[in-house]
């Protein structure tokens, strides 16, 4: 493959001065402007592209017109799209892809349609149902108006219909009474002003499957998230406590691993289901499918993650390595897949 100029595009956003928390008791000073979170993935990908003899450059979206103009003026052969939000709004990732489309730029990962379909969980589940992809029974409601309702049974898990990263999902999101359900619905409405997804809670194992490719997508080896440490009586879900409460037992003990006790037939069924979900939502290049595996070996698709986290320590890269691809080879494979979509030979 010829040496390419590749823009590594990622987003940052800053807290408004008026929205900063009060001064710290320890320092007596306000924390100052800060990023949404530290991001190191763009640096890993930059160095991987360098290792593959490409010429990477950083491109940053700061959530303002100036950075959009700068992006439009940048000349690249391909953009590695790592953006997650615009000005801190996670629902705008599809708009960023749409902007790249308007600019006529080549870029990695899902297009505007795939990002939008995956973001709207209730719409995604309707598409799964149409394609015969097993997903938990569900209902959606927004301030008293029921948009969709299956014949669901308690217990149910209640969450925002258009958030990702387990935002709005905690251990208390699983409820088993009408009273608790109504309280949780009202809480989500007030906090997110969002439609609420009410989903039948599936007891089982948390399985992640990476999918790589376009015309003939490849399912990577299964990875399981260890939730065995969660106390008896607490729902075993990968909620906010598990994903983001650094330093807690819930977070520190929830480690991904490669399960070795799932039979080949079940593995094949899970991987086929993951590929079907990937294709049903028009994903491209790569993505991660989250599945619940019941004790009897039945897989239920929970959600689809386009443009999933590409850090070397993330589940997707772990699975690719298990399948025989180094991190540098994985990052270059995504370059190849993207260029082939645009009709550019990479051989």
Protein backbone atom coordinates (compact mmCIF):
# COMPACT_ATOMS: atom_id res chain seq x y z
CA UNK A 1 0.00 0.00 0.00
CA UNK A 2 1.37 3.48 -0.85
CA UNK A 3 2.24 5.90 1.92
CA UNK A 4 -0.89 7.93 2.77
CA UNK A 5 -1.55 11.19 4.56
CA UNK A 6 -4.13 10.14 7.18
CA UNK A 7 -5.93 12.53 9.48
CA UNK A 8 -6.56 11.13 12.96
CA UNK A 9 -9.77 12.96 13.85
CA UNK A 10 -10.95 13.17 17.46
CA UNK A 11 -13.10 15.53 19.50
CA UNK A 12 -12.55 17.49 22.68
CA UNK A 13 -14.86 19.85 24.49
CA UNK A 14 -14.49 22.28 27.31
CA UNK A 15 -16.60 23.06 30.33
CA UNK A 16 -18.02 26.60 30.28
CA UNK A 17 -16.59 28.80 33.03
CA UNK A 18 -20.09 29.41 34.41
CA UNK A 19 -20.69 25.67 34.69
CA UNK A 20 -17.53 24.85 36.61
CA UNK A 21 -17.95 23.29 40.05
CA UNK A 22 -17.01 25.30 43.16
CA UNK A 23 -13.37 25.53 44.31
CA UNK A 24 -11.77 22.35 45.60
CA UNK A 25 -11.56 22.03 49.39
CA UNK A 26 -8.04 20.68 49.00
CA UNK A 27 -6.60 23.46 46.80
CA UNK A 28 -9.07 26.32 47.21
CA UNK A 29 -9.03 26.70 43.42
CA UNK A 30 -11.57 25.77 40.74
CA UNK A 31 -10.57 22.84 38.54
CA UNK A 32 -10.43 25.06 35.45
CA UNK A 33 -11.34 24.06 31.94
CA UNK A 34 -11.02 20.41 31.23
CA UNK A 35 -11.71 17.76 28.66
CA UNK A 36 -14.70 15.49 28.83
CA UNK A 37 -12.20 12.71 29.50
CA UNK A 38 -8.63 11.87 28.75
CA UNK A 39 -8.27 10.27 25.36
CA UNK A 40 -5.20 8.31 24.41
CA UNK A 41 -6.58 6.19 21.57
CA UNK A 42 -5.76 8.82 18.96
CA UNK A 43 -2.10 8.66 20.04
CA UNK A 44 -2.04 4.85 19.80
CA UNK A 45 -3.52 4.97 16.32
CA UNK A 46 -1.15 7.75 15.24
CA UNK A 47 1.87 5.63 16.20
CA UNK A 48 0.36 2.49 14.61
CA UNK A 49 -0.10 4.37 11.34
CA UNK A 50 3.50 5.58 11.58
CA UNK A 51 4.62 1.99 12.07
CA UNK A 52 2.78 1.12 8.84
CA UNK A 53 4.75 3.84 6.98
CA UNK A 54 1.84 6.26 6.66
CA UNK A 55 1.98 10.00 7.34
CA UNK A 56 -0.60 10.67 10.10
CA UNK A 57 -1.64 14.12 11.31
CA UNK A 58 -3.91 15.04 14.19
CA UNK A 59 -7.25 16.71 13.40
CA UNK A 60 -9.27 18.08 16.32
CA UNK A 61 -12.94 19.03 16.54
CA UNK A 62 -13.47 21.45 19.42
CA UNK A 63 -17.20 21.94 18.96
CA UNK A 64 -17.04 25.31 17.20
CA UNK A 65 -17.27 26.74 13.68
CA UNK A 66 -13.55 27.42 13.53
CA UNK A 67 -12.59 23.77 13.97
CA UNK A 68 -15.17 22.76 11.36
CA UNK A 69 -13.61 25.21 8.90
CA UNK A 70 -10.12 23.95 9.68
CA UNK A 71 -11.28 20.38 9.06
CA UNK A 72 -12.75 21.39 5.69
CA UNK A 73 -9.45 23.00 4.67
CA UNK A 74 -7.26 20.04 5.65
CA UNK A 75 -5.97 17.86 2.83
CA UNK A 76 -5.81 14.12 3.57
CA UNK A 77 -6.09 10.84 1.70
CA UNK A 78 -8.23 9.36 4.50
CA UNK A 79 -9.65 10.42 7.86
CA UNK A 80 -9.53 8.02 10.78
CA UNK A 81 -12.80 9.05 12.43
CA UNK A 82 -12.52 8.66 16.20
CA UNK A 83 -15.08 11.32 17.14
CA UNK A 84 -17.65 10.48 19.81
CA UNK A 85 -19.49 13.79 20.12
CA UNK A 86 -19.67 17.39 19.00
CA UNK A 87 -19.36 20.04 21.72
CA UNK A 88 -20.04 17.28 24.24
CA UNK A 89 -23.27 16.14 22.57
CA UNK A 90 -22.98 12.38 22.00
CA UNK A 91 -26.00 12.36 19.66
CA UNK A 92 -24.10 14.44 17.07
CA UNK A 93 -21.67 11.72 15.96
CA UNK A 94 -23.88 11.02 12.94
CA UNK A 95 -23.81 14.74 12.06
CA UNK A 96 -20.00 14.68 12.00
CA UNK A 97 -20.07 11.76 9.57
CA UNK A 98 -22.64 13.68 7.52
CA UNK A 99 -20.32 16.69 7.45
CA UNK A 100 -17.48 14.50 6.17
CA UNK A 101 -19.85 13.19 3.48
CA UNK A 102 -20.69 16.77 2.41
CA UNK A 103 -16.98 17.56 2.21
CA UNK A 104 -16.49 14.50 0.01
CA UNK A 105 -13.88 13.07 2.38
CA UNK A 106 -12.94 9.43 2.74
CA UNK A 107 -13.17 8.25 6.33
CA UNK A 108 -13.14 5.10 8.42
CA UNK A 109 -16.10 3.50 10.13
CA UNK A 110 -19.85 3.88 10.02
CA UNK A 111 -21.68 6.43 7.93
CA UNK A 112 -24.41 8.79 9.16
CA UNK A 113 -27.14 6.16 8.74
CA UNK A 114 -25.37 3.45 10.73
CA UNK A 115 -24.46 5.85 13.54
CA UNK A 116 -28.03 7.15 13.75
CA UNK A 117 -29.66 3.71 13.73
CA UNK A 118 -27.34 2.41 16.45
CA UNK A 119 -27.83 5.53 18.59
CA UNK A 120 -31.62 5.14 18.67
CA UNK A 121 -31.88 1.87 20.61
CA UNK A 122 -35.62 1.45 20.19
CA UNK A 123 -35.40 1.94 16.42
CA UNK A 124 -32.49 -0.52 16.28
CA UNK A 125 -34.54 -3.12 18.15
CA UNK A 126 -37.46 -2.71 15.72
CA UNK A 127 -35.04 -3.38 12.87
CA UNK A 128 -33.70 -6.45 14.69
CA UNK A 129 -37.26 -7.74 15.08
CA UNK A 130 -37.92 -7.22 11.36
CA UNK A 131 -34.82 -9.25 10.47
CA UNK A 132 -35.60 -12.01 12.96
CA UNK A 133 -32.64 -11.13 15.19
CA UNK A 134 -33.44 -12.09 18.77
CA UNK A 135 -33.51 -9.12 21.15
CA UNK A 136 -35.26 -8.66 24.53
CA UNK A 137 -38.94 -7.67 24.43
CA UNK A 138 -39.27 -3.95 24.98
CA UNK A 139 -41.46 -0.86 25.21
CA UNK A 140 -40.70 2.81 24.64
CA UNK A 141 -42.39 5.72 26.35
CA UNK A 142 -41.96 9.48 26.41
CA UNK A 143 -43.85 11.58 28.96
CA UNK A 144 -46.93 9.39 29.01
CA UNK A 145 -47.01 8.49 25.33
CA UNK A 146 -46.25 4.86 24.53
CA UNK A 147 -44.52 4.56 21.17
CA UNK A 148 -44.09 0.79 21.15
CA UNK A 149 -44.97 -2.04 23.48
CA UNK A 150 -44.23 -5.74 23.44
CA UNK A 151 -45.72 -8.11 25.98
CA UNK A 152 -42.85 -7.64 28.43
CA UNK A 153 -42.64 -9.06 31.94
CA UNK A 154 -40.86 -7.98 35.10
CA UNK A 155 -38.05 -7.64 35.91
CA UNK A 156 -37.21 -4.96 33.35
CA UNK A 157 -34.26 -2.67 32.82
CA UNK A 158 -35.08 1.01 32.29
CA UNK A 159 -32.67 3.26 30.39
CA UNK A 160 -32.46 6.28 28.07
CA UNK A 161 -33.25 5.29 24.50
CA UNK A 162 -30.55 7.49 22.93
CA UNK A 163 -27.48 7.37 25.14
CA UNK A 164 -24.42 5.14 25.00
CA UNK A 165 -21.51 4.19 27.25
CA UNK A 166 -23.96 2.96 29.91
CA UNK A 167 -25.02 6.55 30.60
CA UNK A 168 -28.17 6.46 32.70
CA UNK A 169 -27.80 2.75 33.49
CA UNK A 170 -27.06 1.74 37.08
CA UNK A 171 -27.76 -1.32 39.22
CA UNK A 172 -31.02 0.36 40.26
CA UNK A 173 -32.15 0.49 36.64
CA UNK A 174 -33.45 -3.07 36.95
CA UNK A 175 -36.89 -2.94 38.59
CA UNK A 176 -39.60 -5.48 39.36
CA UNK A 177 -42.64 -3.37 40.25
CA UNK A 178 -44.91 -0.76 38.64
CA UNK A 179 -44.02 1.77 41.37
CA UNK A 180 -40.28 1.48 40.77
CA UNK A 181 -40.79 1.51 37.02
CA UNK A 182 -42.73 4.79 37.11
CA UNK A 183 -40.14 6.39 39.38
CA UNK A 184 -37.30 5.35 37.10
CA UNK A 185 -39.14 6.64 34.00
CA UNK A 186 -39.68 10.02 35.63
CA UNK A 187 -36.03 10.16 36.71
CA UNK A 188 -34.80 9.58 33.15
CA UNK A 189 -37.24 12.11 31.72
CA UNK A 190 -36.03 14.76 34.13
CA UNK A 191 -32.34 14.02 33.76
CA UNK A 192 -32.13 13.42 30.00
CA UNK A 193 -35.44 14.68 28.56
CA UNK A 194 -35.27 11.51 26.52
CA UNK A 195 -37.58 8.72 25.44
CA UNK A 196 -37.27 5.77 27.81
CA UNK A 197 -36.50 2.23 26.73
CA UNK A 198 -38.07 -0.42 28.96
CA UNK A 199 -36.47 -3.76 28.20
CA UNK A 200 -37.13 -7.21 29.57
CA UNK A 201 -34.15 -8.09 31.76
CA UNK A 202 -32.30 -11.15 30.45
CA UNK A 203 -30.37 -13.12 33.05
CA UNK A 204 -27.15 -14.38 31.52
CA UNK A 205 -23.55 -13.77 30.52
CA UNK A 206 -22.29 -10.49 29.04
CA UNK A 207 -20.66 -11.32 25.69
CA UNK A 208 -18.93 -8.89 23.29
CA UNK A 209 -18.28 -9.76 19.65
CA UNK A 210 -16.16 -7.61 17.37
CA UNK A 211 -17.11 -7.59 13.70
CA UNK A 212 -14.59 -6.60 11.01
CA UNK A 213 -15.24 -6.08 7.31
CA UNK A 214 -17.85 -5.02 4.77
CA UNK A 215 -18.91 -7.35 1.96
CA UNK A 216 -18.14 -10.44 4.03
CA UNK A 217 -17.85 -9.28 7.66
CA UNK A 218 -15.76 -11.44 9.98
CA UNK A 219 -16.81 -12.09 13.59
CA UNK A 220 -13.85 -12.02 15.97
CA UNK A 221 -13.39 -14.35 18.98
CA UNK A 222 -15.90 -13.95 21.82
CA UNK A 223 -14.99 -11.90 24.87
CA UNK A 224 -16.91 -12.10 28.13
CA UNK A 225 -17.08 -9.42 30.82
CA UNK A 226 -16.61 -10.96 34.25
CA UNK A 227 -19.60 -9.95 36.38
CA UNK A 228 -19.27 -12.83 38.86
CA UNK A 229 -18.09 -10.50 41.64
CA UNK A 230 -21.39 -8.58 41.72
CA UNK A 231 -23.14 -9.41 45.02
CA UNK A 232 -26.05 -11.85 45.12
CA UNK A 233 -29.32 -10.00 44.66
CA UNK A 234 -27.73 -7.25 42.54
CA UNK A 235 -28.43 -7.45 38.80
CA UNK A 236 -25.40 -8.54 36.81
CA UNK A 237 -25.27 -5.71 34.30
CA UNK A 238 -22.43 -3.63 32.86
CA UNK A 239 -23.89 -0.39 34.18
CA UNK A 240 -22.27 2.93 35.03
CA UNK A 241 -20.79 1.57 38.27
CA UNK A 242 -19.01 -1.22 36.41
CA UNK A 243 -17.72 0.88 33.50
CA UNK A 244 -16.84 4.22 35.07
CA UNK A 245 -16.57 4.10 38.89
CA UNK A 246 -12.78 3.83 38.95
CA UNK A 247 -11.36 2.52 42.21
CA UNK A 248 -14.49 0.61 43.22
CA UNK A 249 -14.77 -3.15 43.44
CA UNK A 250 -17.52 -3.10 40.78
CA UNK A 251 -15.12 -1.48 38.31
CA UNK A 252 -11.84 -3.14 39.23
CA UNK A 253 -13.17 -6.72 39.19
CA UNK A 254 -15.07 -6.44 35.90
CA UNK A 255 -12.35 -7.71 33.59
CA UNK A 256 -12.82 -8.97 30.03
CA UNK A 257 -11.64 -12.50 29.29
CA UNK A 258 -11.88 -15.20 26.62
CA UNK A 259 -14.40 -17.84 27.75
CA UNK A 260 -13.41 -21.46 27.16
CA UNK A 261 -16.59 -23.22 28.23
CA UNK A 262 -18.90 -22.29 25.33
CA UNK A 263 -19.40 -25.05 22.76
CA UNK A 264 -18.56 -24.53 19.10
CA UNK A 265 -22.17 -24.61 17.92
CA UNK A 266 -23.16 -21.85 20.35
CA UNK A 267 -20.10 -19.80 19.38
CA UNK A 268 -21.08 -20.08 15.73
CA UNK A 269 -24.66 -18.99 16.51
CA UNK A 270 -23.43 -15.99 18.52
CA UNK A 271 -21.02 -14.90 15.77
CA UNK A 272 -23.65 -15.26 13.06
CA UNK A 273 -26.08 -13.23 15.15
CA UNK A 274 -23.45 -10.51 15.62
CA UNK A 275 -22.80 -10.27 11.89
CA UNK A 276 -26.54 -10.09 11.17
CA UNK A 277 -26.95 -7.22 13.65
CA UNK A 278 -23.92 -5.44 12.16
CA UNK A 279 -25.39 -5.62 8.69
CA UNK A 280 -28.96 -4.81 9.72
CA UNK A 281 -27.88 -1.40 11.05
CA UNK A 282 -25.69 -0.61 8.02
CA UNK A 283 -22.42 -0.59 9.94
CA UNK A 284 -19.15 -0.39 8.05
CA UNK A 285 -15.56 -1.50 8.59
CA UNK A 286 -15.82 -2.43 12.27
CA UNK A 287 -18.09 -2.52 15.30
CA UNK A 288 -18.85 -4.36 18.51
CA UNK A 289 -22.06 -6.23 19.27
CA UNK A 290 -23.17 -6.67 22.90
CA UNK A 291 -25.05 -9.90 23.54
CA UNK A 292 -26.64 -11.58 26.55
CA UNK A 293 -26.19 -15.35 26.55
CA UNK A 294 -28.83 -17.16 28.59
CA UNK A 295 -28.02 -20.32 30.59
CA UNK A 296 -29.61 -22.43 27.83
CA UNK A 297 -27.28 -20.92 25.21
CA UNK A 298 -29.69 -18.47 23.57
CA UNK A 299 -28.11 -15.16 22.42
CA UNK A 300 -30.02 -11.85 22.71
CA UNK A 301 -28.63 -8.73 21.05
CA UNK A 302 -28.59 -5.85 23.54
CA UNK A 303 -27.01 -3.16 21.41
CA UNK A 304 -24.62 -2.42 18.57
CA UNK A 305 -21.59 -0.16 18.91
CA UNK A 306 -20.36 1.35 15.63
CA UNK A 307 -16.84 2.81 15.65
CA UNK A 308 -16.18 1.06 18.94
CA UNK A 309 -13.24 1.91 21.19
CA UNK A 310 -9.98 1.09 19.40
CA UNK A 311 -7.52 1.30 22.27
CA UNK A 312 -5.02 -1.54 22.51
CA UNK A 313 -6.59 -2.48 25.85
CA UNK A 314 -10.16 -2.49 24.50
CA UNK A 315 -12.11 -5.67 23.80
CA UNK A 316 -12.04 -5.17 20.02
CA UNK A 317 -8.24 -5.03 19.81
CA UNK A 318 -7.96 -7.92 22.29
CA UNK A 319 -10.19 -10.08 20.08
CA UNK A 320 -8.30 -9.10 16.93
CA UNK A 321 -5.03 -10.11 18.59
CA UNK A 322 -6.58 -13.43 19.62
CA UNK A 323 -7.49 -13.93 15.95
CA UNK A 324 -3.87 -13.33 14.92
CA UNK A 325 -3.74 -9.59 14.14
CA UNK A 326 -1.30 -7.32 15.93
CA UNK A 327 -2.52 -3.86 16.86
CA UNK A 328 -0.59 -2.28 13.98
CA UNK A 329 -2.04 -4.86 11.56
CA UNK A 330 -5.58 -4.17 12.83
CA UNK A 331 -5.24 -0.40 12.40
CA UNK A 332 -3.86 -0.87 8.88
CA UNK A 333 -6.62 -3.36 8.02
CA UNK A 334 -9.20 -0.69 8.83
CA UNK A 335 -7.39 1.67 6.46
CA UNK A 336 -7.59 -0.98 3.73
CA UNK A 337 -11.27 -1.73 4.35
CA UNK A 338 -12.16 1.96 4.22
CA UNK A 339 -10.25 2.62 1.01
CA UNK A 340 -11.77 -0.42 -0.70
CA UNK A 341 -15.24 0.99 0.02
CA UNK A 342 -14.21 4.03 -1.99
CA UNK A 343 -13.01 1.85 -4.87
CA UNK A 344 -9.30 2.32 -4.17
CA UNK A 345 -7.07 -0.72 -4.61
CA UNK A 346 -4.87 -1.54 -1.62
CA UNK A 347 -3.08 -4.67 -2.76
